[in-house]
Amino acid sequence: MKNFFPGRILTANERSIVPEAFFQLFLERIKVSFLPSRKYLPASRTDKNIFPSPGKIESVKTVASVINGLSPRTPWSSTCLIKVLAAHKMLARRRIPHILHFGVHISQSKEINAHAWLSVANEVVIGGDNLHFYKEISRINF
């Protein structure tokens, strides 16, 4: 796996969750492709933004690193929504509180662009690219 993430060698923790992340990205791609959104978007579980324990922050970084590193290497398109849903499932399994955010941007040509991102402890860990362009329209807390 040395060349799987160019420029660095994966840690043992990262190597151990690569199969889980690959499968979860695949599963979320199938869900988004064939199911209506009410079937794959989760319902909110809490209204509070609860911070994870310090020991779980390392798990968050590991999940985010593997999802972000693996997604461009999948044979299917792993969009921001696919990555966020996969990371959500992996963090929920580990009982780590997080928030899914959904936003839109209307371009000058009146084109609507959507974006999804995931945050933990007020830090964006998945989908943090160009957030200043997007207006948040919904969030789901866990």
C-alpha atoms as a PDB file:
ATOM      1  CA  MET A   1       0.000   0.000   0.000  1.00  0.00           C
ATOM      2  CA  LYS A   2       2.993   2.294  -0.137  1.00  0.00           C
ATOM      3  CA  ASN A   3       1.994   3.730  -3.539  1.00  0.00           C
ATOM      4  CA  PHE A   4      -1.732   3.812  -2.830  1.00  0.00           C
ATOM      5  CA  PHE A   5      -1.423   7.216  -1.172  1.00  0.00           C
ATOM      6  CA  PRO A   6       1.524   8.765  -3.059  1.00  0.00           C
ATOM      7  CA  GLY A   7       4.180  10.477  -1.017  1.00  0.00           C
ATOM      8  CA  ARG A   8       3.610   8.669   2.245  1.00  0.00           C
ATOM      9  CA  ILE A   9       3.163   5.290   3.877  1.00  0.00           C
ATOM     10  CA  LEU A  10      -0.140   4.537   5.564  1.00  0.00           C
ATOM     11  CA  THR A  11      -0.189   4.022   9.314  1.00  0.00           C
ATOM     12  CA  ALA A  12      -1.420   0.713  10.726  1.00  0.00           C
ATOM     13  CA  ASN A  13      -4.729   2.344  11.726  1.00  0.00           C
ATOM     14  CA  GLU A  14      -5.230   3.724   8.217  1.00  0.00           C
ATOM     15  CA  ARG A  15      -4.382   0.387   6.595  1.00  0.00           C
ATOM     16  CA  SER A  16      -6.874  -1.388   8.825  1.00  0.00           C
ATOM     17  CA  ILE A  17      -9.829   0.749   7.683  1.00  0.00           C
ATOM     18  CA  VAL A  18      -9.086   0.951   3.933  1.00  0.00           C
ATOM     19  CA  PRO A  19     -11.349  -2.058   3.131  1.00  0.00           C
ATOM     20  CA  GLU A  20     -14.162  -0.617   5.271  1.00  0.00           C
ATOM     21  CA  ALA A  21     -13.829   2.801   3.613  1.00  0.00           C
ATOM     22  CA  PHE A  22     -13.731   1.308   0.094  1.00  0.00           C
ATOM     23  CA  PHE A  23     -16.844  -0.769   0.766  1.00  0.00           C
ATOM     24  CA  GLN A  24     -18.659   2.169   2.363  1.00  0.00           C
ATOM     25  CA  LEU A  25     -17.849   4.477  -0.577  1.00  0.00           C
ATOM     26  CA  PHE A  26     -19.159   1.783  -2.939  1.00  0.00           C
ATOM     27  CA  LEU A  27     -22.332   1.234  -0.911  1.00  0.00           C
ATOM     28  CA  GLU A  28     -23.084   4.961  -0.705  1.00  0.00           C
ATOM     29  CA  ARG A  29     -22.510   5.349  -4.473  1.00  0.00           C
ATOM     30  CA  ILE A  30     -25.104   2.596  -5.095  1.00  0.00           C
ATOM     31  CA  LYS A  31     -27.588   4.158  -2.665  1.00  0.00           C
ATOM     32  CA  VAL A  32     -27.273   7.641  -4.162  1.00  0.00           C
ATOM     33  CA  SER A  33     -27.566   6.254  -7.693  1.00  0.00           C
ATOM     34  CA  PHE A  34     -30.653   4.107  -7.192  1.00  0.00           C
ATOM     35  CA  LEU A  35     -32.586   5.240  -4.110  1.00  0.00           C
ATOM     36  CA  PRO A  36     -34.563   8.388  -3.333  1.00  0.00           C
ATOM     37  CA  SER A  37     -32.781  10.686  -0.886  1.00  0.00           C
ATOM     38  CA  ARG A  38     -35.226   9.970   1.941  1.00  0.00           C
ATOM     39  CA  LYS A  39     -33.896   6.391   1.947  1.00  0.00           C
ATOM     40  CA  TYR A  40     -30.206   7.205   2.357  1.00  0.00           C
ATOM     41  CA  LEU A  41     -30.110  10.571   4.155  1.00  0.00           C
ATOM     42  CA  PRO A  42     -30.124   9.962   7.906  1.00  0.00           C
ATOM     43  CA  ALA A  43     -32.491  11.596  10.389  1.00  0.00           C
ATOM     44  CA  SER A  44     -30.994  13.938  12.969  1.00  0.00           C
ATOM     45  CA  ARG A  45     -30.303  12.375  16.361  1.00  0.00           C
ATOM     46  CA  THR A  46     -29.456  15.373  18.526  1.00  0.00           C
ATOM     47  CA  ASP A  47     -29.764  19.143  18.500  1.00  0.00           C
ATOM     48  CA  LYS A  48     -26.526  19.639  20.395  1.00  0.00           C
ATOM     49  CA  ASN A  49     -23.045  19.891  18.972  1.00  0.00           C
ATOM     50  CA  ILE A  50     -21.339  17.461  21.322  1.00  0.00           C
ATOM     51  CA  PHE A  51     -17.575  17.326  21.135  1.00  0.00           C
ATOM     52  CA  PRO A  52     -15.941  13.889  20.922  1.00  0.00           C
ATOM     53  CA  SER A  53     -13.574  12.727  23.608  1.00  0.00           C
ATOM     54  CA  PRO A  54      -9.895  13.535  22.966  1.00  0.00           C
ATOM     55  CA  GLY A  55      -9.141   9.868  22.250  1.00  0.00           C
ATOM     56  CA  LYS A  56     -11.655   9.793  19.400  1.00  0.00           C
ATOM     57  CA  ILE A  57     -10.151  12.796  17.599  1.00  0.00           C
ATOM     58  CA  GLU A  58      -7.415  10.510  16.242  1.00  0.00           C
ATOM     59  CA  SER A  59     -10.095   8.173  14.845  1.00  0.00           C
ATOM     60  CA  VAL A  60     -11.742  11.132  13.110  1.00  0.00           C
ATOM     61  CA  LYS A  61      -8.446  12.132  11.498  1.00  0.00           C
ATOM     62  CA  THR A  62      -7.825   8.544  10.382  1.00  0.00           C
ATOM     63  CA  VAL A  63     -11.293   8.155   8.830  1.00  0.00           C
ATOM     64  CA  ALA A  64     -11.041  11.539   7.086  1.00  0.00           C
ATOM     65  CA  SER A  65      -7.558  10.791   5.771  1.00  0.00           C
ATOM     66  CA  VAL A  66      -8.555   7.432   4.319  1.00  0.00           C
ATOM     67  CA  ILE A  67     -11.848   8.662   2.804  1.00  0.00           C
ATOM     68  CA  ASN A  68     -10.162  11.708   1.236  1.00  0.00           C
ATOM     69  CA  GLY A  69      -7.221   9.646  -0.016  1.00  0.00           C
ATOM     70  CA  LEU A  70      -9.258   6.731  -1.307  1.00  0.00           C
ATOM     71  CA  SER A  71     -12.109   8.579  -3.024  1.00  0.00           C
ATOM     72  CA  PRO A  72     -10.163   9.780  -6.099  1.00  0.00           C
ATOM     73  CA  ARG A  73      -8.902   6.231  -6.600  1.00  0.00           C
ATOM     74  CA  THR A  74     -12.299   4.523  -6.844  1.00  0.00           C
ATOM     75  CA  PRO A  75     -13.507   3.379 -10.276  1.00  0.00           C
ATOM     76  CA  TRP A  76     -16.754   5.324  -9.698  1.00  0.00           C
ATOM     77  CA  SER A  77     -17.323   9.004  -9.065  1.00  0.00           C
ATOM     78  CA  SER A  78     -16.978   9.698  -5.341  1.00  0.00           C
ATOM     79  CA  THR A  79     -18.564  13.129  -5.056  1.00  0.00           C
ATOM     80  CA  CYS A  80     -18.709  15.196  -1.890  1.00  0.00           C
ATOM     81  CA  LEU A  81     -22.063  13.615  -0.980  1.00  0.00           C
ATOM     82  CA  ILE A  82     -20.681  10.089  -1.355  1.00  0.00           C
ATOM     83  CA  LYS A  83     -17.648  10.922   0.799  1.00  0.00           C
ATOM     84  CA  VAL A  84     -19.759  12.608   3.489  1.00  0.00           C
ATOM     85  CA  LEU A  85     -22.227   9.704   3.688  1.00  0.00           C
ATOM     86  CA  ALA A  86     -19.411   7.138   3.852  1.00  0.00           C
ATOM     87  CA  ALA A  87     -17.608   9.089   6.583  1.00  0.00           C
ATOM     88  CA  HIS A  88     -20.913   9.510   8.442  1.00  0.00           C
ATOM     89  CA  LYS A  89     -21.462   5.747   8.541  1.00  0.00           C
ATOM     90  CA  MET A  90     -17.911   5.097   9.686  1.00  0.00           C
ATOM     91  CA  LEU A  91     -18.053   7.762  12.417  1.00  0.00           C
ATOM     92  CA  ALA A  92     -21.507   6.621  13.557  1.00  0.00           C
ATOM     93  CA  ARG A  93     -20.163   3.066  13.959  1.00  0.00           C
ATOM     94  CA  ARG A  94     -17.468   4.500  16.215  1.00  0.00           C
ATOM     95  CA  ARG A  95     -20.042   6.603  18.133  1.00  0.00           C
ATOM     96  CA  ILE A  96     -18.262   9.857  17.281  1.00  0.00           C
ATOM     97  CA  PRO A  97     -20.522  12.946  17.263  1.00  0.00           C
ATOM     98  CA  HIS A  98     -20.477  14.850  13.969  1.00  0.00           C
ATOM     99  CA  ILE A  99     -22.554  17.138  11.755  1.00  0.00           C
ATOM    100  CA  LEU A 100     -23.482  16.715   8.082  1.00  0.00           C
ATOM    101  CA  HIS A 101     -23.848  20.052   6.270  1.00  0.00           C
ATOM    102  CA  PHE A 102     -25.546  20.722   2.940  1.00  0.00           C
ATOM    103  CA  GLY A 103     -25.162  23.951   0.995  1.00  0.00           C
ATOM    104  CA  VAL A 104     -25.798  25.598  -2.340  1.00  0.00           C
ATOM    105  CA  HIS A 105     -24.124  28.203  -4.519  1.00  0.00           C
ATOM    106  CA  ILE A 106     -25.848  30.082  -7.329  1.00  0.00           C
ATOM    107  CA  SER A 107     -23.364  31.048 -10.002  1.00  0.00           C
ATOM    108  CA  GLN A 108     -23.508  34.205 -12.103  1.00  0.00           C
ATOM    109  CA  SER A 109     -25.078  32.182 -14.904  1.00  0.00           C
ATOM    110  CA  LYS A 110     -27.890  31.212 -12.470  1.00  0.00           C
ATOM    111  CA  GLU A 111     -26.620  27.657 -12.221  1.00  0.00           C
ATOM    112  CA  ILE A 112     -27.242  25.995  -8.855  1.00  0.00           C
ATOM    113  CA  ASN A 113     -24.353  23.977  -7.410  1.00  0.00           C
ATOM    114  CA  ALA A 114     -24.770  21.799  -4.334  1.00  0.00           C
ATOM    115  CA  HIS A 115     -22.117  20.739  -1.848  1.00  0.00           C
ATOM    116  CA  ALA A 116     -21.944  18.540   1.245  1.00  0.00           C
ATOM    117  CA  TRP A 117     -19.379  18.561   4.037  1.00  0.00           C
ATOM    118  CA  LEU A 118     -18.882  16.938   7.415  1.00  0.00           C
ATOM    119  CA  SER A 119     -17.590  18.561  10.575  1.00  0.00           C
ATOM    120  CA  VAL A 120     -16.438  17.280  13.944  1.00  0.00           C
ATOM    121  CA  ALA A 121     -15.936  19.627  16.888  1.00  0.00           C
ATOM    122  CA  ASN A 122     -16.499  22.672  14.622  1.00  0.00           C
ATOM    123  CA  GLU A 123     -13.725  21.550  12.245  1.00  0.00           C
ATOM    124  CA  VAL A 124     -14.543  20.507   8.680  1.00  0.00           C
ATOM    125  CA  VAL A 125     -12.955  17.110   8.009  1.00  0.00           C
ATOM    126  CA  ILE A 126     -14.604  16.070   4.707  1.00  0.00           C
ATOM    127  CA  GLY A 127     -15.543  18.370   1.826  1.00  0.00           C
ATOM    128  CA  GLY A 128     -13.936  21.567   3.114  1.00  0.00           C
ATOM    129  CA  ASP A 129     -12.985  22.864  -0.352  1.00  0.00           C
ATOM    130  CA  ASN A 130     -14.284  26.329  -1.291  1.00  0.00           C
ATOM    131  CA  LEU A 131     -16.832  26.529   1.521  1.00  0.00           C
ATOM    132  CA  HIS A 132     -16.872  30.312   1.288  1.00  0.00           C
ATOM    133  CA  PHE A 133     -18.864  29.958  -1.965  1.00  0.00           C
ATOM    134  CA  TYR A 134     -21.656  27.896  -0.398  1.00  0.00           C
ATOM    135  CA  LYS A 135     -24.546  28.945   1.800  1.00  0.00           C
ATOM    136  CA  GLU A 136     -25.543  26.255   4.272  1.00  0.00           C
ATOM    137  CA  ILE A 137     -29.197  25.298   3.845  1.00  0.00           C
ATOM    138  CA  SER A 138     -29.391  22.244   6.096  1.00  0.00           C
ATOM    139  CA  ARG A 139     -27.466  20.376   8.758  1.00  0.00           C
ATOM    140  CA  ILE A 140     -27.947  17.022  10.425  1.00  0.00           C
ATOM    141  CA  ASN A 141     -26.420  16.526  13.879  1.00  0.00           C
ATOM    142  CA  PHE A 142     -25.241  13.197  15.286  1.00  0.00           C
END
